[in-house]
């Protein structure tokens, strides 16, 4: 009952943040400003939902609360795709100019990349999950190195376009992509939500889960694919936000102190909405667009990441 009350409080705060962002200083511009703000809010809600869900699931599978799905190299792959497209095709090519084409290309490439890694690692018998993480780190570093090398060679004017892709932004979100993301994320969440009770058992460990009758490998593969799709869609929609999932997931663990993933995920999603919508309002109204929300999140997330590392080292 106590956690249910906390969920209600977070939902009310999230609704309040959405209401303030939508109607503050609207000044009667309902026909023009309200639809634009509505699309941005929907993009923030979808991004928060996808990242929070994927991070909590990923941390349960890996049994590590300082890891995020970004460790698989998807963020680095996204930047590599944008860099390669501009380097070889130019900034006026359809893959850059047409946001729908760029979105679909980016999502498909990231999902196929994740599926190939999973297929390769799980093909020949049982592979430790940490071996999968190690491969992800190595491949992600490799992608980042290639991107950095090509960015040095790119024309300075075109590098500005690549630089805009390095940070998440909600200011110029394409409405068509938001509705497409809503469809994809909604379908994936509905499919994955049926397996949420299994995550409660998976958190006990591989051997315990198998002894309790859970098809461990099947659930792990399914959840890894779901995490990859959600992160791919959110990254292609607004750009990479490296530490955001780490923040909201760990805040949810500390706030609810429960093993039930239905509560943890719901709490993390609501915290994501509060952070993104409230943070974007602060960026627009207080900082007057002098910085971006992703820069603030990455700064806070980096400090929080160091805190978690120190906390883990003391408890070890």
C-alpha atoms as a PDB file:
ATOM      1  CA  UNK A   1       0.000   0.000   0.000  1.00  0.00           C
ATOM      2  CA  UNK A   2       2.859   2.330   0.802  1.00  0.00           C
ATOM      3  CA  UNK A   3       4.453   1.875  -2.615  1.00  0.00           C
ATOM      4  CA  UNK A   4       1.073   2.334  -4.278  1.00  0.00           C
ATOM      5  CA  UNK A   5       0.750   5.673  -2.505  1.00  0.00           C
ATOM      6  CA  UNK A   6       4.232   6.658  -3.714  1.00  0.00           C
ATOM      7  CA  UNK A   7       3.240   5.768  -7.286  1.00  0.00           C
ATOM      8  CA  UNK A   8       0.167   8.000  -7.002  1.00  0.00           C
ATOM      9  CA  UNK A   9       2.284  10.885  -5.672  1.00  0.00           C
ATOM     10  CA  UNK A  10       4.785  10.526  -8.512  1.00  0.00           C
ATOM     11  CA  UNK A  11       1.948  10.350 -11.042  1.00  0.00           C
ATOM     12  CA  UNK A  12       0.472  13.588  -9.677  1.00  0.00           C
ATOM     13  CA  UNK A  13       3.876  15.316  -9.786  1.00  0.00           C
ATOM     14  CA  UNK A  14       4.437  14.089 -13.348  1.00  0.00           C
ATOM     15  CA  UNK A  15       0.983  15.330 -14.379  1.00  0.00           C
ATOM     16  CA  UNK A  16       1.767  18.667 -12.739  1.00  0.00           C
ATOM     17  CA  UNK A  17       5.036  18.985 -14.651  1.00  0.00           C
ATOM     18  CA  UNK A  18       3.268  18.187 -17.909  1.00  0.00           C
ATOM     19  CA  UNK A  19       0.535  20.719 -17.163  1.00  0.00           C
ATOM     20  CA  UNK A  20       3.011  23.480 -16.294  1.00  0.00           C
ATOM     21  CA  UNK A  21       5.063  22.825 -19.410  1.00  0.00           C
ATOM     22  CA  UNK A  22       1.998  22.814 -21.665  1.00  0.00           C
ATOM     23  CA  UNK A  23       0.179  25.870 -20.323  1.00  0.00           C
ATOM     24  CA  UNK A  24       2.768  28.130 -18.653  1.00  0.00           C
ATOM     25  CA  UNK A  25       3.028  31.455 -20.508  1.00  0.00           C
ATOM     26  CA  UNK A  26       0.881  30.156 -23.336  1.00  0.00           C
ATOM     27  CA  UNK A  27      -0.587  33.638 -23.760  1.00  0.00           C
ATOM     28  CA  UNK A  28      -3.528  32.501 -25.837  1.00  0.00           C
ATOM     29  CA  UNK A  29      -1.451  30.853 -28.580  1.00  0.00           C
ATOM     30  CA  UNK A  30      -3.405  27.629 -28.343  1.00  0.00           C
ATOM     31  CA  UNK A  31      -3.544  26.870 -32.062  1.00  0.00           C
ATOM     32  CA  UNK A  32       0.208  27.309 -32.622  1.00  0.00           C
ATOM     33  CA  UNK A  33       2.075  26.738 -29.353  1.00  0.00           C
ATOM     34  CA  UNK A  34      -0.030  24.044 -27.688  1.00  0.00           C
ATOM     35  CA  UNK A  35       0.301  21.394 -30.456  1.00  0.00           C
ATOM     36  CA  UNK A  36       4.068  22.005 -30.655  1.00  0.00           C
ATOM     37  CA  UNK A  37       4.442  21.681 -26.899  1.00  0.00           C
ATOM     38  CA  UNK A  38       2.231  18.609 -26.942  1.00  0.00           C
ATOM     39  CA  UNK A  39       4.488  16.844 -29.453  1.00  0.00           C
ATOM     40  CA  UNK A  40       7.555  17.682 -27.363  1.00  0.00           C
ATOM     41  CA  UNK A  41       5.892  16.390 -24.191  1.00  0.00           C
ATOM     42  CA  UNK A  42       4.874  13.180 -25.943  1.00  0.00           C
ATOM     43  CA  UNK A  43       8.456  12.741 -27.183  1.00  0.00           C
ATOM     44  CA  UNK A  44       9.783  13.224 -23.649  1.00  0.00           C
ATOM     45  CA  UNK A  45       7.269  10.770 -22.190  1.00  0.00           C
ATOM     46  CA  UNK A  46       8.136   8.136 -24.813  1.00  0.00           C
ATOM     47  CA  UNK A  47      11.867   8.660 -24.296  1.00  0.00           C
ATOM     48  CA  UNK A  48      11.537   8.400 -20.525  1.00  0.00           C
ATOM     49  CA  UNK A  49       9.346   5.305 -20.824  1.00  0.00           C
ATOM     50  CA  UNK A  50      11.720   3.521 -23.198  1.00  0.00           C
ATOM     51  CA  UNK A  51      14.932   4.341 -21.309  1.00  0.00           C
ATOM     52  CA  UNK A  52      13.533   3.615 -17.839  1.00  0.00           C
ATOM     53  CA  UNK A  53      11.957   0.311 -18.872  1.00  0.00           C
ATOM     54  CA  UNK A  54      15.039  -0.849 -20.790  1.00  0.00           C
ATOM     55  CA  UNK A  55      17.472   0.114 -18.017  1.00  0.00           C
ATOM     56  CA  UNK A  56      15.632  -1.607 -15.160  1.00  0.00           C
ATOM     57  CA  UNK A  57      15.248  -4.756 -17.262  1.00  0.00           C
ATOM     58  CA  UNK A  58      18.893  -4.685 -18.346  1.00  0.00           C
ATOM     59  CA  UNK A  59      20.178  -4.204 -14.806  1.00  0.00           C
ATOM     60  CA  UNK A  60      18.046  -7.108 -13.582  1.00  0.00           C
ATOM     61  CA  UNK A  61      19.433  -9.395 -16.280  1.00  0.00           C
ATOM     62  CA  UNK A  62      23.041  -8.392 -15.588  1.00  0.00           C
ATOM     63  CA  UNK A  63      22.547  -8.240 -11.776  1.00  0.00           C
ATOM     64  CA  UNK A  64      24.407  -4.941 -11.795  1.00  0.00           C
ATOM     65  CA  UNK A  65      22.884  -1.560 -10.959  1.00  0.00           C
ATOM     66  CA  UNK A  66      25.613   0.585 -12.497  1.00  0.00           C
ATOM     67  CA  UNK A  67      25.190  -0.748 -16.027  1.00  0.00           C
ATOM     68  CA  UNK A  68      22.860   0.568 -18.729  1.00  0.00           C
ATOM     69  CA  UNK A  69      21.916  -0.751 -22.190  1.00  0.00           C
ATOM     70  CA  UNK A  70      24.223   1.913 -23.648  1.00  0.00           C
ATOM     71  CA  UNK A  71      27.137  -0.308 -22.638  1.00  0.00           C
ATOM     72  CA  UNK A  72      26.234  -2.521 -25.631  1.00  0.00           C
ATOM     73  CA  UNK A  73      27.525   0.237 -27.905  1.00  0.00           C
ATOM     74  CA  UNK A  74      24.188   1.359 -29.357  1.00  0.00           C
ATOM     75  CA  UNK A  75      24.863   5.050 -28.671  1.00  0.00           C
ATOM     76  CA  UNK A  76      28.273   4.777 -30.325  1.00  0.00           C
ATOM     77  CA  UNK A  77      26.730   2.954 -33.282  1.00  0.00           C
ATOM     78  CA  UNK A  78      24.127   5.708 -33.702  1.00  0.00           C
ATOM     79  CA  UNK A  79      26.830   8.384 -33.882  1.00  0.00           C
ATOM     80  CA  UNK A  80      28.827   6.218 -36.281  1.00  0.00           C
ATOM     81  CA  UNK A  81      25.807   5.893 -38.588  1.00  0.00           C
ATOM     82  CA  UNK A  82      25.335   9.670 -38.668  1.00  0.00           C
ATOM     83  CA  UNK A  83      29.062  10.286 -39.185  1.00  0.00           C
ATOM     84  CA  UNK A  84      29.363   7.744 -41.994  1.00  0.00           C
ATOM     85  CA  UNK A  85      26.292   9.114 -43.765  1.00  0.00           C
ATOM     86  CA  UNK A  86      27.600  12.672 -43.709  1.00  0.00           C
ATOM     87  CA  UNK A  87      31.205  11.707 -44.506  1.00  0.00           C
ATOM     88  CA  UNK A  88      30.435   9.539 -47.538  1.00  0.00           C
ATOM     89  CA  UNK A  89      27.079  10.907 -48.740  1.00  0.00           C
ATOM     90  CA  UNK A  90      27.117  14.535 -47.625  1.00  0.00           C
ATOM     91  CA  UNK A  91      24.765  16.560 -45.453  1.00  0.00           C
ATOM     92  CA  UNK A  92      22.330  17.100 -48.341  1.00  0.00           C
ATOM     93  CA  UNK A  93      21.703  13.377 -48.900  1.00  0.00           C
ATOM     94  CA  UNK A  94      18.247  11.958 -48.261  1.00  0.00           C
ATOM     95  CA  UNK A  95      19.515   9.872 -45.328  1.00  0.00           C
ATOM     96  CA  UNK A  96      20.323  13.120 -43.495  1.00  0.00           C
ATOM     97  CA  UNK A  97      17.745  15.553 -44.856  1.00  0.00           C
ATOM     98  CA  UNK A  98      14.767  13.194 -44.582  1.00  0.00           C
ATOM     99  CA  UNK A  99      14.281  12.537 -40.871  1.00  0.00           C
ATOM    100  CA  UNK A 100      11.970   9.587 -41.476  1.00  0.00           C
ATOM    101  CA  UNK A 101      14.578   7.801 -43.587  1.00  0.00           C
ATOM    102  CA  UNK A 102      17.303   8.612 -41.057  1.00  0.00           C
ATOM    103  CA  UNK A 103      15.141   7.353 -38.189  1.00  0.00           C
ATOM    104  CA  UNK A 104      14.253   4.053 -39.857  1.00  0.00           C
ATOM    105  CA  UNK A 105      17.845   3.478 -41.017  1.00  0.00           C
ATOM    106  CA  UNK A 106      19.241   4.180 -37.547  1.00  0.00           C
ATOM    107  CA  UNK A 107      16.723   1.985 -35.708  1.00  0.00           C
ATOM    108  CA  UNK A 108      17.071  -0.944 -38.109  1.00  0.00           C
ATOM    109  CA  UNK A 109      20.877  -0.793 -38.014  1.00  0.00           C
ATOM    110  CA  UNK A 110      21.029  -0.696 -34.216  1.00  0.00           C
ATOM    111  CA  UNK A 111      18.477  -3.493 -33.775  1.00  0.00           C
ATOM    112  CA  UNK A 112      20.174  -5.715 -36.377  1.00  0.00           C
ATOM    113  CA  UNK A 113      23.532  -5.061 -34.718  1.00  0.00           C
ATOM    114  CA  UNK A 114      22.159  -6.093 -31.320  1.00  0.00           C
ATOM    115  CA  UNK A 115      20.489  -9.199 -32.754  1.00  0.00           C
ATOM    116  CA  UNK A 116      23.696 -10.260 -34.488  1.00  0.00           C
ATOM    117  CA  UNK A 117      25.679  -9.956 -31.255  1.00  0.00           C
ATOM    118  CA  UNK A 118      23.059 -11.901 -29.303  1.00  0.00           C
ATOM    119  CA  UNK A 119      22.862 -14.591 -31.993  1.00  0.00           C
ATOM    120  CA  UNK A 120      26.643 -14.950 -32.150  1.00  0.00           C
ATOM    121  CA  UNK A 121      27.116 -15.135 -28.402  1.00  0.00           C
ATOM    122  CA  UNK A 122      24.219 -17.460 -27.651  1.00  0.00           C
ATOM    123  CA  UNK A 123      24.713 -19.709 -30.681  1.00  0.00           C
ATOM    124  CA  UNK A 124      27.365 -22.033 -29.330  1.00  0.00           C
ATOM    125  CA  UNK A 125      26.127 -23.091 -25.951  1.00  0.00           C
ATOM    126  CA  UNK A 126      25.921 -21.056 -22.805  1.00  0.00           C
ATOM    127  CA  UNK A 127      27.812 -17.775 -22.693  1.00  0.00           C
ATOM    128  CA  UNK A 128      28.234 -15.731 -19.506  1.00  0.00           C
ATOM    129  CA  UNK A 129      26.271 -12.477 -19.596  1.00  0.00           C
ATOM    130  CA  UNK A 130      29.442 -10.584 -18.699  1.00  0.00           C
ATOM    131  CA  UNK A 131      31.095 -11.892 -21.856  1.00  0.00           C
ATOM    132  CA  UNK A 132      28.272 -10.218 -23.757  1.00  0.00           C
ATOM    133  CA  UNK A 133      28.943  -6.962 -21.914  1.00  0.00           C
ATOM    134  CA  UNK A 134      32.663  -7.194 -22.644  1.00  0.00           C
ATOM    135  CA  UNK A 135      31.995  -7.587 -26.361  1.00  0.00           C
ATOM    136  CA  UNK A 136      29.599  -4.632 -26.228  1.00  0.00           C
ATOM    137  CA  UNK A 137      32.192  -2.405 -24.559  1.00  0.00           C
ATOM    138  CA  UNK A 138      34.897  -3.347 -27.080  1.00  0.00           C
ATOM    139  CA  UNK A 139      32.641  -2.882 -30.105  1.00  0.00           C
ATOM    140  CA  UNK A 140      31.269   0.394 -28.731  1.00  0.00           C
ATOM    141  CA  UNK A 141      34.792   1.741 -28.201  1.00  0.00           C
ATOM    142  CA  UNK A 142      35.699   0.659 -31.735  1.00  0.00           C
ATOM    143  CA  UNK A 143      32.673   2.498 -33.180  1.00  0.00           C
ATOM    144  CA  UNK A 144      33.500   5.599 -31.166  1.00  0.00           C
ATOM    145  CA  UNK A 145      37.106   5.581 -32.398  1.00  0.00           C
ATOM    146  CA  UNK A 146      36.019   5.365 -36.035  1.00  0.00           C
ATOM    147  CA  UNK A 147      33.511   8.184 -35.529  1.00  0.00           C
ATOM    148  CA  UNK A 148      36.138  10.418 -33.929  1.00  0.00           C
ATOM    149  CA  UNK A 149      38.609   9.743 -36.753  1.00  0.00           C
ATOM    150  CA  UNK A 150      36.069  10.542 -39.471  1.00  0.00           C
ATOM    151  CA  UNK A 151      34.842  13.650 -37.654  1.00  0.00           C
ATOM    152  CA  UNK A 152      38.373  15.071 -37.814  1.00  0.00           C
ATOM    153  CA  UNK A 153      38.312  14.714 -41.601  1.00  0.00           C
ATOM    154  CA  UNK A 154      34.791  16.056 -42.151  1.00  0.00           C
ATOM    155  CA  UNK A 155      34.244  19.562 -43.492  1.00  0.00           C
ATOM    156  CA  UNK A 156      33.730  21.960 -40.535  1.00  0.00           C
ATOM    157  CA  UNK A 157      30.289  22.991 -41.781  1.00  0.00           C
ATOM    158  CA  UNK A 158      29.154  19.383 -41.970  1.00  0.00           C
ATOM    159  CA  UNK A 159      30.767  18.572 -38.644  1.00  0.00           C
ATOM    160  CA  UNK A 160      28.278  20.992 -37.078  1.00  0.00           C
ATOM    161  CA  UNK A 161      25.481  18.663 -38.209  1.00  0.00           C
ATOM    162  CA  UNK A 162      27.255  15.676 -36.670  1.00  0.00           C
ATOM    163  CA  UNK A 163      27.786  17.629 -33.470  1.00  0.00           C
ATOM    164  CA  UNK A 164      24.059  18.306 -33.222  1.00  0.00           C
ATOM    165  CA  UNK A 165      23.494  14.538 -33.299  1.00  0.00           C
ATOM    166  CA  UNK A 166      25.815  13.971 -30.329  1.00  0.00           C
ATOM    167  CA  UNK A 167      23.387  15.389 -27.788  1.00  0.00           C
ATOM    168  CA  UNK A 168      19.740  14.621 -27.213  1.00  0.00           C
ATOM    169  CA  UNK A 169      17.376  17.450 -28.125  1.00  0.00           C
ATOM    170  CA  UNK A 170      13.617  17.823 -27.822  1.00  0.00           C
ATOM    171  CA  UNK A 171      13.413  21.215 -29.503  1.00  0.00           C
ATOM    172  CA  UNK A 172      13.078  20.038 -33.106  1.00  0.00           C
ATOM    173  CA  UNK A 173      11.377  16.691 -32.700  1.00  0.00           C
ATOM    174  CA  UNK A 174       9.590  15.517 -35.840  1.00  0.00           C
ATOM    175  CA  UNK A 175       5.891  14.884 -35.183  1.00  0.00           C
ATOM    176  CA  UNK A 176       5.670  11.962 -37.612  1.00  0.00           C
ATOM    177  CA  UNK A 177       8.574  10.234 -35.883  1.00  0.00           C
ATOM    178  CA  UNK A 178       6.937  10.724 -32.488  1.00  0.00           C
ATOM    179  CA  UNK A 179       3.789   8.907 -33.610  1.00  0.00           C
ATOM    180  CA  UNK A 180       5.851   6.153 -35.231  1.00  0.00           C
ATOM    181  CA  UNK A 181       7.875   5.799 -32.015  1.00  0.00           C
ATOM    182  CA  UNK A 182       4.649   5.646 -30.016  1.00  0.00           C
ATOM    183  CA  UNK A 183       3.478   2.721 -32.135  1.00  0.00           C
ATOM    184  CA  UNK A 184       6.760   0.792 -31.857  1.00  0.00           C
ATOM    185  CA  UNK A 185       7.375   1.465 -28.157  1.00  0.00           C
ATOM    186  CA  UNK A 186       3.749   0.688 -27.306  1.00  0.00           C
ATOM    187  CA  UNK A 187       3.870  -2.673 -29.071  1.00  0.00           C
ATOM    188  CA  UNK A 188       7.205  -3.624 -27.495  1.00  0.00           C
ATOM    189  CA  UNK A 189       6.059  -2.625 -23.998  1.00  0.00           C
ATOM    190  CA  UNK A 190       2.862  -4.667 -24.355  1.00  0.00           C
ATOM    191  CA  UNK A 191       4.848  -7.715 -25.449  1.00  0.00           C
ATOM    192  CA  UNK A 192       7.430  -7.340 -22.695  1.00  0.00           C
ATOM    193  CA  UNK A 193       5.010  -6.541 -19.882  1.00  0.00           C
ATOM    194  CA  UNK A 194       3.735 -10.112 -19.867  1.00  0.00           C
ATOM    195  CA  UNK A 195       7.209 -11.243 -18.797  1.00  0.00           C
ATOM    196  CA  UNK A 196       7.557  -8.717 -15.958  1.00  0.00           C
ATOM    197  CA  UNK A 197       6.721 -11.298 -13.219  1.00  0.00           C
ATOM    198  CA  UNK A 198       9.598 -13.455 -14.469  1.00  0.00           C
ATOM    199  CA  UNK A 199      12.002 -10.595 -13.765  1.00  0.00           C
ATOM    200  CA  UNK A 200      11.156 -10.851 -10.067  1.00  0.00           C
ATOM    201  CA  UNK A 201      12.466 -14.417 -10.184  1.00  0.00           C
ATOM    202  CA  UNK A 202      15.424 -13.614 -12.461  1.00  0.00           C
ATOM    203  CA  UNK A 203      16.672 -11.124  -9.881  1.00  0.00           C
ATOM    204  CA  UNK A 204      17.320 -14.089  -7.561  1.00  0.00           C
ATOM    205  CA  UNK A 205      19.993 -15.479  -9.899  1.00  0.00           C
ATOM    206  CA  UNK A 206      20.255 -17.953 -12.755  1.00  0.00           C
ATOM    207  CA  UNK A 207      20.313 -21.161 -10.713  1.00  0.00           C
ATOM    208  CA  UNK A 208      17.416 -20.136  -8.469  1.00  0.00           C
ATOM    209  CA  UNK A 209      15.321 -19.010 -11.435  1.00  0.00           C
ATOM    210  CA  UNK A 210      15.884 -22.306 -13.273  1.00  0.00           C
ATOM    211  CA  UNK A 211      15.050 -24.295 -10.145  1.00  0.00           C
ATOM    212  CA  UNK A 212      11.803 -22.355  -9.847  1.00  0.00           C
ATOM    213  CA  UNK A 213      10.820 -23.384 -13.367  1.00  0.00           C
ATOM    214  CA  UNK A 214      11.685 -20.217 -15.302  1.00  0.00           C
ATOM    215  CA  UNK A 215      13.047 -20.627 -18.830  1.00  0.00           C
ATOM    216  CA  UNK A 216      16.045 -18.461 -18.013  1.00  0.00           C
ATOM    217  CA  UNK A 217      17.799 -18.270 -21.394  1.00  0.00           C
ATOM    218  CA  UNK A 218      14.567 -17.623 -23.288  1.00  0.00           C
ATOM    219  CA  UNK A 219      13.490 -14.784 -20.988  1.00  0.00           C
ATOM    220  CA  UNK A 220      16.969 -13.233 -21.007  1.00  0.00           C
ATOM    221  CA  UNK A 221      17.144 -13.244 -24.818  1.00  0.00           C
ATOM    222  CA  UNK A 222      13.656 -11.793 -25.086  1.00  0.00           C
ATOM    223  CA  UNK A 223      14.389  -9.013 -22.609  1.00  0.00           C
ATOM    224  CA  UNK A 224      17.722  -8.185 -24.251  1.00  0.00           C
ATOM    225  CA  UNK A 225      15.978  -7.771 -27.604  1.00  0.00           C
ATOM    226  CA  UNK A 226      13.264  -5.613 -26.025  1.00  0.00           C
ATOM    227  CA  UNK A 227      15.891  -3.414 -24.338  1.00  0.00           C
ATOM    228  CA  UNK A 228      17.785  -3.047 -27.616  1.00  0.00           C
ATOM    229  CA  UNK A 229      14.652  -2.006 -29.526  1.00  0.00           C
ATOM    230  CA  UNK A 230      13.581   0.526 -26.895  1.00  0.00           C
ATOM    231  CA  UNK A 231      17.017   2.134 -26.644  1.00  0.00           C
ATOM    232  CA  UNK A 232      17.373   2.173 -30.440  1.00  0.00           C
ATOM    233  CA  UNK A 233      14.034   3.938 -30.922  1.00  0.00           C
ATOM    234  CA  UNK A 234      14.609   6.511 -28.173  1.00  0.00           C
ATOM    235  CA  UNK A 235      18.139   7.250 -29.403  1.00  0.00           C
ATOM    236  CA  UNK A 236      17.039   7.631 -33.025  1.00  0.00           C
ATOM    237  CA  UNK A 237      14.157   9.878 -31.932  1.00  0.00           C
ATOM    238  CA  UNK A 238      15.975  12.451 -29.775  1.00  0.00           C
ATOM    239  CA  UNK A 239      19.639  11.406 -29.604  1.00  0.00           C
ATOM    240  CA  UNK A 240      21.773   9.652 -26.972  1.00  0.00           C
ATOM    241  CA  UNK A 241      21.305  10.333 -23.237  1.00  0.00           C
ATOM    242  CA  UNK A 242      24.027   8.215 -21.704  1.00  0.00           C
ATOM    243  CA  UNK A 243      23.435   8.412 -17.944  1.00  0.00           C
ATOM    244  CA  UNK A 244      19.715   9.084 -17.784  1.00  0.00           C
ATOM    245  CA  UNK A 245      18.640   5.474 -17.327  1.00  0.00           C
ATOM    246  CA  UNK A 246      21.241   4.999 -14.602  1.00  0.00           C
ATOM    247  CA  UNK A 247      19.797   7.905 -12.610  1.00  0.00           C
ATOM    248  CA  UNK A 248      16.085   7.062 -12.759  1.00  0.00           C
ATOM    249  CA  UNK A 249      16.575   3.313 -12.272  1.00  0.00           C
ATOM    250  CA  UNK A 250      18.689   3.695  -9.131  1.00  0.00           C
ATOM    251  CA  UNK A 251      16.408   6.407  -7.745  1.00  0.00           C
ATOM    252  CA  UNK A 252      13.508   4.001  -8.207  1.00  0.00           C
ATOM    253  CA  UNK A 253      15.399   1.253  -6.315  1.00  0.00           C
ATOM    254  CA  UNK A 254      16.107   3.606  -3.416  1.00  0.00           C
ATOM    255  CA  UNK A 255      12.643   5.155  -3.335  1.00  0.00           C
ATOM    256  CA  UNK A 256      10.551   1.981  -3.428  1.00  0.00           C
ATOM    257  CA  UNK A 257      12.874  -0.644  -1.893  1.00  0.00           C
ATOM    258  CA  UNK A 258      10.976  -3.577  -3.393  1.00  0.00           C
ATOM    259  CA  UNK A 259      11.726  -6.538  -5.607  1.00  0.00           C
ATOM    260  CA  UNK A 260       8.538  -6.149  -7.676  1.00  0.00           C
ATOM    261  CA  UNK A 261       9.511  -4.953 -11.134  1.00  0.00           C
ATOM    262  CA  UNK A 262       6.030  -3.729 -11.941  1.00  0.00           C
ATOM    263  CA  UNK A 263       6.499  -1.127  -9.192  1.00  0.00           C
ATOM    264  CA  UNK A 264      10.159  -0.404  -9.976  1.00  0.00           C
ATOM    265  CA  UNK A 265       9.528   0.132 -13.672  1.00  0.00           C
ATOM    266  CA  UNK A 266       6.407   2.237 -13.086  1.00  0.00           C
ATOM    267  CA  UNK A 267       8.308   4.407 -10.608  1.00  0.00           C
ATOM    268  CA  UNK A 268      11.305   4.781 -12.906  1.00  0.00           C
ATOM    269  CA  UNK A 269       9.038   5.790 -15.802  1.00  0.00           C
ATOM    270  CA  UNK A 270       7.262   8.453 -13.722  1.00  0.00           C
ATOM    271  CA  UNK A 271      10.594   9.786 -12.464  1.00  0.00           C
ATOM    272  CA  UNK A 272      11.776   9.940 -16.067  1.00  0.00           C
ATOM    273  CA  UNK A 273       8.774  12.012 -17.082  1.00  0.00           C
ATOM    274  CA  UNK A 274       9.297  14.375 -14.136  1.00  0.00           C
ATOM    275  CA  UNK A 275      13.004  14.760 -14.900  1.00  0.00           C
ATOM    276  CA  UNK A 276      12.617  15.269 -18.648  1.00  0.00           C
ATOM    277  CA  UNK A 277       9.547  17.498 -18.695  1.00  0.00           C
ATOM    278  CA  UNK A 278      10.558  19.468 -15.609  1.00  0.00           C
ATOM    279  CA  UNK A 279      14.165  19.687 -16.772  1.00  0.00           C
ATOM    280  CA  UNK A 280      13.156  20.893 -20.230  1.00  0.00           C
ATOM    281  CA  UNK A 281      10.980  23.582 -18.653  1.00  0.00           C
ATOM    282  CA  UNK A 282      13.950  24.752 -16.581  1.00  0.00           C
ATOM    283  CA  UNK A 283      16.197  24.791 -19.673  1.00  0.00           C
ATOM    284  CA  UNK A 284      13.692  26.855 -21.639  1.00  0.00           C
ATOM    285  CA  UNK A 285      12.406  29.233 -18.958  1.00  0.00           C
ATOM    286  CA  UNK A 286      15.336  29.671 -16.570  1.00  0.00           C
ATOM    287  CA  UNK A 287      18.434  28.984 -18.695  1.00  0.00           C
ATOM    288  CA  UNK A 288      16.724  30.409 -21.824  1.00  0.00           C
ATOM    289  CA  UNK A 289      18.189  27.696 -24.064  1.00  0.00           C
ATOM    290  CA  UNK A 290      21.764  28.565 -23.054  1.00  0.00           C
ATOM    291  CA  UNK A 291      22.360  24.843 -22.533  1.00  0.00           C
ATOM    292  CA  UNK A 292      20.650  21.572 -23.384  1.00  0.00           C
ATOM    293  CA  UNK A 293      18.881  19.107 -21.126  1.00  0.00           C
ATOM    294  CA  UNK A 294      21.167  16.243 -22.150  1.00  0.00           C
ATOM    295  CA  UNK A 295      24.251  18.168 -21.002  1.00  0.00           C
ATOM    296  CA  UNK A 296      22.706  18.699 -17.554  1.00  0.00           C
ATOM    297  CA  UNK A 297      21.589  15.060 -17.329  1.00  0.00           C
ATOM    298  CA  UNK A 298      24.996  13.726 -18.362  1.00  0.00           C
ATOM    299  CA  UNK A 299      26.735  15.982 -15.829  1.00  0.00           C
ATOM    300  CA  UNK A 300      24.455  14.922 -12.967  1.00  0.00           C
ATOM    301  CA  UNK A 301      24.543  11.314 -14.179  1.00  0.00           C
ATOM    302  CA  UNK A 302      28.343  11.301 -14.287  1.00  0.00           C
ATOM    303  CA  UNK A 303      28.564  12.540 -10.701  1.00  0.00           C
ATOM    304  CA  UNK A 304      25.916  10.026  -9.620  1.00  0.00           C
ATOM    305  CA  UNK A 305      27.780   7.240 -11.432  1.00  0.00           C
ATOM    306  CA  UNK A 306      30.962   8.046  -9.490  1.00  0.00           C
ATOM    307  CA  UNK A 307      28.932   8.046  -6.265  1.00  0.00           C
ATOM    308  CA  UNK A 308      27.523   4.599  -7.061  1.00  0.00           C
ATOM    309  CA  UNK A 309      30.997   3.263  -7.831  1.00  0.00           C
ATOM    310  CA  UNK A 310      32.330   4.543  -4.517  1.00  0.00           C
ATOM    311  CA  UNK A 311      29.302   3.148  -2.717  1.00  0.00           C
ATOM    312  CA  UNK A 312      29.771  -0.268  -4.303  1.00  0.00           C
ATOM    313  CA  UNK A 313      33.502  -0.299  -3.469  1.00  0.00           C
ATOM    314  CA  UNK A 314      32.781   0.433   0.200  1.00  0.00           C
ATOM    315  CA  UNK A 315      30.172  -2.301   0.474  1.00  0.00           C
ATOM    316  CA  UNK A 316      32.403  -4.865  -1.272  1.00  0.00           C
END
